Every structure is written in structure tokens, then in C-alpha cells.
Amino acid sequence: MGLSGAVQWWDEWQLRVLVLGSLFVQYLLFFSSVVRRRAPPSWLRLVFWLAYLGQLAAGLEVLWAPVLLIHLGGQHLMTAYSIEDNELWRRQAITMVSQACVFIMEMETEKVSQHNLLSFCARKKRPTFLMKLATLVCYKDYVNMHCYIEHAPTTSSLQVVELVHGYVTDGWKGYIHDAASYKRFNLHRGQWALRHQRHLRWSLNMPFDRSVLLWRIAIDICFHHQSTTPRGRECAARSRVISNYMTYLLSIRPEMLIPGSRIGIFTIACEDIELMLGDNSALHDERGLAQGILSRAQQPSLLDNTSIIGTACRLAKMLMELQDELEMWEVVQGVWVEMLCYSASRCRGYLHAKNMSEVTELLTRVWFFLISMGMETLADRFQKSEYLETKEENAEEDDNDGENRVVVERKINMPI
């Protein structure tokens, strides 16, 4: 049989040969599964490798069709079409602009929204033309809340995620060793960062939204009353990014901070600051407000210790009394990282999924990261609580059934 006969035979039998060959490879891989679990010899590994390679090569056939069409005659080989396409520079310009806009929008979604309480109060003391106009049209509250939101750069978001990674990693290595410690670690919202400063834990024994606002005001007072070292300045900057973001959630998106957050607590804090400082026109910026609050705190008669501002001043004083300034900012940074993780794990999954179609919040990115690191989410807590309740109910039913059985047996065994 010559070459022409072999070609004719292959044309007639190629489909059958390929089907039988594929079937043989499938059976080979199936029956050799036991051998592949151990350490097979090198020649057998080569056979397995070739078998898998043959299966994967089938997917390359999809690639050959467009490659063949390009070789036969693509748009780059058609001279007339290439000339017309080059003359359509407007279409290419629009394409480039669209790609640039998409890139810029993608960069915008990575930024961290920021909202500062003292800056907000300072703007109210020195209203701009826009604020005066918004007040006339009864649109002041919306402009205050939405039009003065600042954004931290993308690098800040990456730094925050790195801090969360370090916090969770340290927790797995140095704290979590059984189910009970795992549960306690997921309940932390600053307790672990204050493990060496237990005299500050009172600031966490309150509703979460109040605790967030309390620490927000306290670190502003500390930041504007202390000269920080370069290392301390880095911790302070990261702490302010997280705290400004948490304040943004409290004032703009309270449903994401934690279920049941009260937006009114932010307004009450602003009113307390205005009532404390009065109409002093000299306090027109963030630093001036912080200094004015702390100076009023030195006069007990002018300060209500039960208010959020009075409590924040007490916390700020205790923080500034720490021995080392760097230690103070490391403690503050640790507390804010724990608060961020606590808020992310307590936010409903529906809100995280909704954000994916809009602007991806930092809280959503932290939530995904916590899931990948094996931390507990709100859904996990609900499932565990339902499981425990069902288990307790079943145990109570078993106890009741046992008691009923004993009563019935006693009645049966009673003498007539």
C-alpha cells in the first residue's frame, strides 16, 4: 500500500481511530487512578502526562479557526479596508477616550471615601456660597452630607487591606487555638489592641456606633495637640483614613456600618460641639475646633461628662498620657483595624453584593478578605445560632419524652 492508499485509508478511518484512541485514554486514566495516588515510576508518569496533554489539546481546535481565517484574509490584508479604517480616526479617538474613561472610573472605585466630623462642623461655622445657596432652597442637609465627601488615594486602600491581613494573621498565630477563642476573636472590636491598656476598654463597652464616634473625636484631638514622629505620623495617617471612612459610613451609609446604626448620633455630636464652642469665629478650621474642645475640657463646669464630646475628651487625655507617642498611635491603629473588621463581618451580604454593581466599598473588599481568611460573617453567626437553638430544642424534647416515658411506666407498674 503506497502513500496514496494510506491517505485514503486515513480519510475513511480517522474518525473511528480517534474515537477509539480517546476511549482508550479515558479507560487508561480511570483504571490507573489507584496507581496515580502513589508514586508511579517515571515512564508511567510520562504516559499519564501524554494522556492528559492529548485531552487538553482538543480545546486548541477552537483557536485554529480564527487563526486560519486571519491567514486566509483578515482586515489587515485587505488594502482597501485598511485605508478606509485608517481614515476613520474619529472612531479610534472615541475608542481611546472611552478606554481612558473606563480606566479612570476603575481607579475611582478603589478610592476610600472620607468624612471628618470636625471639618464638617468647621464648614458650618464658615459657610461657602454653595452652602448659603443650598440653605435658601432647603437643600442644606443633602449638600452637607454628600457634596463634601473627600476621597483618599488608592494606596490608602491597599495599606488598610495590608493592616487587616496582618491583624487576622496574628490572630490565627497567637490567639485562636480552639472554637471558643475563634468565637471571641470574631467578637473583638478593639479589645485585643487594648490587651495591654485595659484601663481604656471602657470606651468599647457601649453601642458600636457611639464607640466609633467617640474614638473618631478622640484621635482628632490627639492628632492636633501632639507633634508626631515620622513613624508615628504614618500610624496616625492610616488611623485617620480608617476613622474618616467609618465616619462616612455612620453619616452616609449607616446600614453598612452595622445593623441598627443611628445616624442621629452624628447630628447630636455636631450640635454638642456647636453648643460647647458657641459663636467663636476664631475656631474656623479643624485644628482650631480640636484645640477649642480640649481647652473647654480643662474647665469641668463647661463640659458635660455624660455627652459624647465630654467622653471623647476623657479618652483623648488618657491616650495622650501613654508613655510613648508611637505606642499611642499603634494602639489607635489597632483599635480602628478591629472596628473595621467587626463592621465588615456584621454587614449584610446583600449590601456587599449591591455594592459590586456600583462603587466597591472598602468594607466590601475587607469582607471578601475576611471570608478568604476563614473569619466569621453575619450569615455564619445566624446559622450557628439557629443550629444551637435547634439542638437545644431537640435536647429539651428528648428530656420531656424521657420524663413522659418514666411517668407512663410508673402508671403501668402501679398495683391495681
Protein backbone atom coordinates (compact mmCIF):
# COMPACT_ATOMS: atom_id res chain seq x y z
CA MET A 1 0.00 0.00 0.00
CA GLY A 2 1.54 3.24 -1.15
CA LEU A 3 1.25 6.73 0.20
CA SER A 4 -1.97 7.41 -1.69
CA GLY A 5 -3.51 4.24 -0.25
CA ALA A 6 -2.51 5.25 3.28
CA VAL A 7 -4.02 8.69 2.82
CA GLN A 8 -7.25 7.16 1.52
CA TRP A 9 -7.37 4.72 4.45
CA TRP A 10 -6.84 7.57 6.93
CA ASP A 11 -9.62 9.61 5.35
CA GLU A 12 -12.01 6.69 5.85
CA TRP A 13 -10.91 5.53 9.30
CA GLN A 14 -9.62 8.67 11.04
CA LEU A 15 -12.85 9.30 12.98
CA ARG A 16 -13.03 5.70 14.21
CA VAL A 17 -9.36 5.68 15.19
CA LEU A 18 -9.65 8.96 17.09
CA VAL A 19 -12.78 7.81 18.95
CA LEU A 20 -11.18 4.51 19.92
CA GLY A 21 -7.98 6.28 20.93
CA SER A 22 -9.91 8.73 23.11
CA LEU A 23 -11.82 5.85 24.70
CA PHE A 24 -8.56 4.02 25.39
CA VAL A 25 -7.06 7.09 27.06
CA GLN A 26 -10.18 7.51 29.22
CA TYR A 27 -10.03 3.89 30.38
CA LEU A 28 -6.28 4.20 30.99
CA LEU A 29 -6.74 7.22 33.24
CA PHE A 30 -9.69 5.61 35.02
CA PHE A 31 -8.06 2.29 35.85
CA SER A 32 -4.74 3.91 36.75
CA SER A 33 -6.29 6.24 39.34
CA VAL A 34 -5.16 3.93 42.15
CA VAL A 35 -1.59 3.96 40.85
CA ARG A 36 -1.58 7.76 40.46
CA ARG A 37 -2.35 8.24 44.16
CA ARG A 38 1.03 6.77 44.99
CA ALA A 39 4.43 7.50 43.43
CA PRO A 40 4.33 5.88 39.95
CA PRO A 41 7.54 5.23 38.01
CA SER A 42 8.83 7.89 35.66
CA TRP A 43 7.81 6.07 32.45
CA LEU A 44 4.26 5.71 33.75
CA ARG A 45 4.12 9.40 34.69
CA LEU A 46 5.14 10.19 31.11
CA VAL A 47 2.22 8.11 29.81
CA PHE A 48 -0.23 9.88 32.12
CA TRP A 49 1.18 13.26 31.12
CA LEU A 50 0.75 12.48 27.41
CA ALA A 51 -2.80 11.26 28.04
CA TYR A 52 -3.78 14.47 29.81
CA LEU A 53 -1.98 16.54 27.19
CA GLY A 54 -4.00 14.85 24.46
CA GLN A 55 -7.23 15.69 26.25
CA LEU A 56 -6.26 19.32 26.75
CA ALA A 57 -5.16 19.67 23.13
CA ALA A 58 -8.75 19.17 21.98
CA GLY A 59 -9.59 22.65 23.25
CA LEU A 60 -6.99 24.19 20.93
CA GLU A 61 -9.16 23.39 17.91
CA VAL A 62 -11.30 26.40 18.82
CA LEU A 63 -8.25 28.60 18.36
CA TRP A 64 -7.34 27.29 14.91
CA ALA A 65 -10.47 28.62 13.17
CA PRO A 66 -9.88 32.39 13.73
CA VAL A 67 -6.15 31.95 13.09
CA LEU A 68 -6.91 30.25 9.79
CA LEU A 69 -9.37 32.98 8.79
CA ILE A 70 -6.77 35.67 9.54
CA HIS A 71 -4.23 33.88 7.35
CA LEU A 72 -6.75 33.45 4.55
CA GLY A 73 -7.67 37.12 4.51
CA GLY A 74 -8.10 39.33 7.53
CA GLN A 75 -8.79 43.05 7.58
CA HIS A 76 -5.05 43.81 7.67
CA LEU A 77 -4.57 42.01 4.35
CA MET A 78 -7.40 43.87 2.64
CA THR A 79 -5.77 47.06 1.35
CA ALA A 80 -8.99 48.91 0.62
CA TYR A 81 -10.45 48.12 4.05
CA SER A 82 -7.23 49.16 5.81
CA ILE A 83 -7.22 52.54 4.03
CA GLU A 84 -10.85 53.21 4.96
CA ASP A 85 -10.22 52.10 8.53
CA ASN A 86 -7.24 54.42 8.90
CA GLU A 87 -9.28 57.35 7.66
CA LEU A 88 -11.89 56.78 10.38
CA TRP A 89 -9.75 58.50 13.01
CA ARG A 90 -12.80 59.81 14.83
CA ARG A 91 -13.88 56.28 15.71
CA GLN A 92 -10.41 55.47 17.00
CA ALA A 93 -10.33 58.68 19.05
CA ILE A 94 -13.70 57.86 20.64
CA THR A 95 -12.46 54.35 21.42
CA MET A 96 -9.36 55.72 23.14
CA VAL A 97 -11.40 58.25 25.14
CA SER A 98 -13.83 55.52 26.22
CA GLN A 99 -10.98 53.30 27.37
CA ALA A 100 -9.45 56.19 29.32
CA CYS A 101 -12.80 56.94 31.00
CA VAL A 102 -13.23 53.30 31.99
CA PHE A 103 -9.71 53.29 33.45
CA ILE A 104 -10.37 56.48 35.43
CA MET A 105 -13.70 55.13 36.72
CA GLU A 106 -11.98 51.93 37.77
CA MET A 107 -9.40 53.96 39.67
CA GLU A 108 -12.18 55.97 41.33
CA THR A 109 -13.84 52.80 42.65
CA GLU A 110 -10.63 51.94 44.51
CA LYS A 111 -10.58 55.21 46.47
CA VAL A 112 -11.70 55.37 50.09
CA SER A 113 -14.50 57.80 50.95
CA GLN A 114 -13.68 60.16 53.83
CA HIS A 115 -15.89 62.22 56.13
CA ASN A 116 -14.50 64.21 59.06
CA LEU A 117 -16.70 65.38 61.92
CA LEU A 118 -14.60 68.42 62.88
CA SER A 119 -14.22 69.54 59.25
CA PHE A 120 -17.97 69.20 58.89
CA CYS A 121 -18.54 71.44 61.93
CA ALA A 122 -15.93 73.95 60.70
CA ARG A 123 -17.75 74.31 57.37
CA LYS A 124 -20.95 75.07 59.22
CA LYS A 125 -19.16 77.89 61.07
CA ARG A 126 -17.80 79.36 57.84
CA PRO A 127 -20.39 78.57 55.14
CA THR A 128 -19.42 78.91 51.50
CA PHE A 129 -21.53 80.47 48.76
CA LEU A 130 -22.73 77.00 47.78
CA MET A 131 -23.87 76.31 51.34
CA LYS A 132 -25.70 79.65 51.54
CA LEU A 133 -27.45 78.90 48.26
CA ALA A 134 -28.35 75.38 49.42
CA THR A 135 -29.78 76.82 52.64
CA LEU A 136 -32.07 79.13 50.65
CA VAL A 137 -33.50 76.24 48.63
CA CYS A 138 -33.80 73.96 51.70
CA TYR A 139 -31.12 71.64 50.35
CA LYS A 140 -28.56 72.25 53.07
CA ASP A 141 -28.58 68.80 54.70
CA TYR A 142 -28.05 66.97 51.41
CA VAL A 143 -25.15 69.22 50.38
CA ASN A 144 -23.60 68.86 53.82
CA MET A 145 -23.76 65.09 53.76
CA HIS A 146 -22.97 64.27 50.13
CA CYS A 147 -21.16 67.11 48.39
CA TYR A 148 -18.31 67.47 50.88
CA ILE A 149 -17.17 63.85 50.85
CA GLU A 150 -13.43 63.57 50.24
CA HIS A 151 -11.56 60.55 48.89
CA ALA A 152 -8.27 59.04 49.99
CA PRO A 153 -5.94 57.72 47.23
CA THR A 154 -5.86 54.10 46.09
CA THR A 155 -2.67 53.44 48.03
CA SER A 156 -4.56 54.08 51.26
CA SER A 157 -6.97 51.27 50.42
CA LEU A 158 -4.07 48.89 49.82
CA GLN A 159 -2.45 49.89 53.11
CA VAL A 160 -5.67 49.25 55.01
CA VAL A 161 -6.02 45.78 53.46
CA GLU A 162 -2.42 45.03 54.46
CA LEU A 163 -3.24 46.04 58.05
CA VAL A 164 -6.27 43.74 58.04
CA HIS A 165 -4.12 40.89 56.70
CA GLY A 166 -1.59 41.41 59.48
CA TYR A 167 -4.32 41.54 62.13
CA VAL A 168 -6.01 38.31 61.01
CA THR A 169 -2.68 36.50 60.54
CA ASP A 170 -1.57 37.46 64.05
CA GLY A 171 -4.92 36.29 65.36
CA TRP A 172 -4.56 32.84 63.79
CA LYS A 173 -0.99 32.51 65.07
CA GLY A 174 -1.20 33.98 68.54
CA TYR A 175 -4.83 33.96 69.70
CA ILE A 176 -7.04 31.38 68.01
CA HIS A 177 -6.42 27.84 69.27
CA ASP A 178 -9.91 26.36 69.66
CA ALA A 179 -13.57 27.08 68.86
CA ALA A 180 -14.06 29.30 71.91
CA SER A 181 -11.07 31.53 71.13
CA TYR A 182 -12.18 31.70 67.47
CA LYS A 183 -15.58 32.97 68.58
CA ARG A 184 -14.04 35.54 70.95
CA PHE A 185 -11.65 36.78 68.26
CA ASN A 186 -14.54 37.44 65.87
CA LEU A 187 -16.28 39.47 68.58
CA HIS A 188 -13.31 41.80 69.06
CA ARG A 189 -13.80 45.41 68.08
CA GLY A 190 -10.70 46.81 69.77
CA GLN A 191 -10.32 44.56 72.82
CA TRP A 192 -7.25 42.76 71.50
CA ALA A 193 -5.48 46.01 70.61
CA LEU A 194 -6.14 47.20 74.18
CA ARG A 195 -4.97 43.98 75.85
CA HIS A 196 -2.09 45.89 77.47
CA GLN A 197 -4.16 49.05 78.12
CA ARG A 198 -7.15 47.58 79.92
CA HIS A 199 -7.94 50.92 81.54
CA LEU A 200 -9.15 52.09 78.08
CA ARG A 201 -11.58 49.22 77.47
CA TRP A 202 -14.47 51.18 78.94
CA SER A 203 -14.57 53.10 75.63
CA LEU A 204 -15.66 49.89 73.87
CA ASN A 205 -18.38 48.88 76.37
CA MET A 206 -21.10 50.87 74.62
CA PRO A 207 -23.10 50.70 71.35
CA PHE A 208 -20.81 50.28 68.37
CA ASP A 209 -21.89 53.46 66.57
CA ARG A 210 -21.28 55.55 69.71
CA SER A 211 -17.89 53.91 70.19
CA VAL A 212 -16.92 54.73 66.58
CA LEU A 213 -17.83 58.40 67.03
CA LEU A 214 -16.11 58.54 70.42
CA TRP A 215 -12.78 57.28 69.05
CA ARG A 216 -13.16 59.48 65.96
CA ILE A 217 -13.30 62.68 68.03
CA ALA A 218 -10.61 61.49 70.45
CA ILE A 219 -7.97 60.83 67.78
CA ASP A 220 -8.67 64.21 66.16
CA ILE A 221 -7.95 65.88 69.49
CA CYS A 222 -4.76 63.83 69.90
CA PHE A 223 -3.65 64.50 66.33
CA HIS A 224 -3.93 68.28 66.64
CA HIS A 225 -2.36 68.50 70.11
CA GLN A 226 0.76 66.40 69.70
CA SER A 227 3.79 66.65 67.45
CA THR A 228 4.23 63.21 65.90
CA THR A 229 7.44 61.48 64.85
CA PRO A 230 7.76 60.14 61.27
CA ARG A 231 6.82 56.59 62.33
CA GLY A 232 4.02 57.86 64.50
CA ARG A 233 2.83 60.08 61.65
CA GLU A 234 2.41 57.00 59.42
CA CYS A 235 0.28 55.22 62.02
CA ALA A 236 -1.71 58.42 62.59
CA ALA A 237 -2.34 58.85 58.86
CA ARG A 238 -3.58 55.26 58.46
CA SER A 239 -5.74 55.58 61.58
CA ARG A 240 -7.32 58.77 60.24
CA VAL A 241 -8.06 57.13 56.88
CA ILE A 242 -9.93 54.27 58.57
CA SER A 243 -11.68 56.55 61.08
CA ASN A 244 -12.77 59.00 58.38
CA TYR A 245 -14.13 56.09 56.37
CA MET A 246 -16.04 54.72 59.36
CA THR A 247 -17.45 58.21 59.99
CA TYR A 248 -18.53 58.30 56.34
CA LEU A 249 -20.37 55.01 56.83
CA LEU A 250 -22.02 56.29 60.02
CA SER A 251 -23.24 59.54 58.45
CA ILE A 252 -23.95 58.49 54.84
CA ARG A 253 -24.43 54.70 54.85
CA PRO A 254 -25.33 53.72 58.42
CA GLU A 255 -26.94 50.46 57.26
CA MET A 256 -23.49 49.23 56.22
CA LEU A 257 -21.68 50.17 59.43
CA ILE A 258 -23.73 47.73 61.49
CA PRO A 259 -27.44 46.81 61.58
CA GLY A 260 -29.28 49.32 63.75
CA SER A 261 -26.81 52.19 63.41
CA ARG A 262 -28.24 55.58 64.39
CA ILE A 263 -27.50 58.46 62.02
CA GLY A 264 -28.91 60.83 64.63
CA ILE A 265 -25.89 60.31 66.87
CA PHE A 266 -23.72 62.13 64.31
CA THR A 267 -26.08 65.11 64.31
CA ILE A 268 -26.18 65.16 68.12
CA ALA A 269 -22.37 65.26 68.26
CA CYS A 270 -22.31 68.24 65.87
CA GLU A 271 -24.88 70.06 67.99
CA ASP A 272 -22.86 69.37 71.15
CA ILE A 273 -19.74 70.87 69.54
CA GLU A 274 -21.65 73.98 68.42
CA LEU A 275 -23.21 74.37 71.87
CA MET A 276 -19.84 73.98 73.60
CA LEU A 277 -17.88 76.39 71.40
CA GLY A 278 -20.64 78.90 70.76
CA ASP A 279 -20.23 81.51 68.01
CA ASN A 280 -16.47 81.88 68.30
CA SER A 281 -15.44 82.92 64.79
CA ALA A 282 -11.77 82.20 65.53
CA LEU A 283 -12.49 78.46 65.54
CA HIS A 284 -12.98 78.14 61.80
CA ASP A 285 -10.83 75.12 60.96
CA GLU A 286 -10.31 71.56 62.15
CA ARG A 287 -7.25 72.32 64.30
CA GLY A 288 -8.95 75.30 65.94
CA LEU A 289 -12.01 73.22 66.80
CA ALA A 290 -9.88 70.45 68.32
CA GLN A 291 -7.96 72.94 70.44
CA GLY A 292 -11.16 74.67 71.48
CA ILE A 293 -12.74 71.37 72.57
CA LEU A 294 -9.73 70.38 74.65
CA SER A 295 -9.46 73.83 76.26
CA ARG A 296 -13.13 73.64 77.27
CA ALA A 297 -12.44 70.18 78.66
CA GLN A 298 -10.00 71.73 81.15
CA GLN A 299 -12.97 73.53 82.72
CA PRO A 300 -15.31 70.91 84.23
CA SER A 301 -18.10 73.46 84.64
CA LEU A 302 -18.27 73.94 80.85
CA LEU A 303 -18.19 70.24 79.99
CA ASP A 304 -20.87 67.59 80.33
CA ASN A 305 -19.02 64.36 81.10
CA THR A 306 -22.01 62.29 80.01
CA SER A 307 -22.08 63.73 76.48
CA ILE A 308 -20.22 62.20 73.56
CA ILE A 309 -17.83 65.20 73.45
CA GLY A 310 -17.05 65.02 77.17
CA THR A 311 -16.41 61.27 76.96
CA ALA A 312 -14.18 61.77 73.90
CA CYS A 313 -12.12 64.39 75.76
CA ARG A 314 -11.62 61.97 78.64
CA LEU A 315 -10.47 59.26 76.23
CA ALA A 316 -8.12 61.67 74.43
CA LYS A 317 -6.50 62.66 77.73
CA MET A 318 -5.96 59.01 78.67
CA LEU A 319 -4.44 58.27 75.27
CA MET A 320 -2.05 61.21 75.47
CA GLU A 321 -0.96 60.02 78.93
CA LEU A 322 0.58 56.88 77.42
CA GLN A 323 4.36 56.80 77.80
CA ASP A 324 5.33 56.63 74.13
CA GLU A 325 3.71 58.64 71.33
CA LEU A 326 4.39 55.85 68.81
CA GLU A 327 2.78 53.34 71.16
CA MET A 328 -0.31 55.55 71.37
CA TRP A 329 -0.78 55.64 67.59
CA GLU A 330 -0.12 51.91 67.24
CA VAL A 331 -2.84 51.26 69.81
CA VAL A 332 -5.21 53.64 68.00
CA GLN A 333 -4.43 51.99 64.66
CA GLY A 334 -5.07 48.53 66.10
CA VAL A 335 -8.43 49.60 67.52
CA TRP A 336 -9.57 51.03 64.18
CA VAL A 337 -8.49 47.92 62.26
CA GLU A 338 -10.52 45.75 64.63
CA MET A 339 -13.52 48.06 64.34
CA LEU A 340 -13.30 47.91 60.54
CA CYS A 341 -13.17 44.10 60.57
CA TYR A 342 -16.05 43.93 63.06
CA SER A 343 -18.18 46.22 60.90
CA ALA A 344 -17.36 44.30 57.69
CA SER A 345 -18.28 40.96 59.25
CA ARG A 346 -21.56 42.33 60.68
CA CYS A 347 -22.73 43.98 57.45
CA ARG A 348 -25.37 42.05 55.49
CA GLY A 349 -24.17 40.15 52.43
CA TYR A 350 -26.94 41.74 50.36
CA LEU A 351 -25.38 45.18 50.83
CA HIS A 352 -21.95 43.88 49.85
CA ALA A 353 -23.40 42.28 46.70
CA LYS A 354 -25.26 45.50 45.88
CA ASN A 355 -22.01 47.47 46.08
CA MET A 356 -20.38 45.30 43.43
CA SER A 357 -22.64 46.83 40.78
CA GLU A 358 -21.90 50.38 41.97
CA VAL A 359 -18.75 51.64 43.69
CA THR A 360 -16.93 48.87 45.53
CA GLU A 361 -16.68 49.98 49.13
CA LEU A 362 -13.58 49.35 51.19
CA LEU A 363 -15.83 47.50 53.62
CA THR A 364 -16.80 45.03 50.88
CA ARG A 365 -13.16 44.37 49.98
CA VAL A 366 -12.38 43.75 53.65
CA TRP A 367 -15.40 41.43 53.86
CA PHE A 368 -14.16 39.31 50.96
CA PHE A 369 -10.71 39.24 52.51
CA LEU A 370 -12.06 38.09 55.89
CA ILE A 371 -14.02 35.29 54.21
CA SER A 372 -10.90 34.10 52.39
CA MET A 373 -9.02 34.10 55.73
CA GLY A 374 -11.68 31.95 57.41
CA MET A 375 -13.28 34.61 59.61
CA GLU A 376 -16.91 34.57 60.74
CA THR A 377 -19.58 36.57 58.90
CA LEU A 378 -23.10 37.63 59.84
CA ALA A 379 -24.59 34.68 57.94
CA ASP A 380 -22.32 32.28 59.83
CA ARG A 381 -23.50 33.70 63.14
CA PHE A 382 -27.15 33.28 62.17
CA GLN A 383 -26.61 29.70 61.03
CA LYS A 384 -24.75 28.81 64.22
CA SER A 385 -27.41 30.39 66.42
CA GLU A 386 -30.17 28.55 64.55
CA TYR A 387 -28.23 25.30 64.85
CA LEU A 388 -27.70 25.77 68.59
CA GLU A 389 -31.37 26.68 69.14
CA THR A 390 -32.48 23.59 67.20
CA LYS A 391 -30.04 21.46 69.17
CA GLU A 392 -31.33 22.82 72.50
CA GLU A 393 -34.95 22.31 71.44
CA ASN A 394 -34.22 18.72 70.44
CA ALA A 395 -32.47 18.13 73.76
CA GLU A 396 -35.47 19.56 75.66
CA GLU A 397 -37.85 17.39 73.63
CA ASP A 398 -35.74 14.32 74.39
CA ASP A 399 -35.80 15.18 78.11
CA ASN A 400 -39.57 15.67 78.03
CA ASP A 401 -40.04 12.38 76.17
CA GLY A 402 -37.89 10.63 78.77
CA GLU A 403 -39.90 12.10 81.64
CA ASN A 404 -43.20 11.14 79.97
CA ARG A 405 -41.89 7.61 79.42
CA VAL A 406 -40.99 7.28 83.10
CA VAL A 407 -44.44 8.51 84.17
CA VAL A 408 -46.17 6.05 81.83
CA GLU A 409 -44.03 3.15 83.06
CA ARG A 410 -44.81 4.04 86.67
CA LYS A 411 -48.54 4.10 85.93
CA ILE A 412 -48.32 0.73 84.20
CA ASN A 413 -46.40 -0.85 87.08
CA MET A 414 -48.76 0.52 89.76
CA PRO A 415 -50.70 -2.25 91.51
CA ILE A 416 -54.41 -2.34 90.75
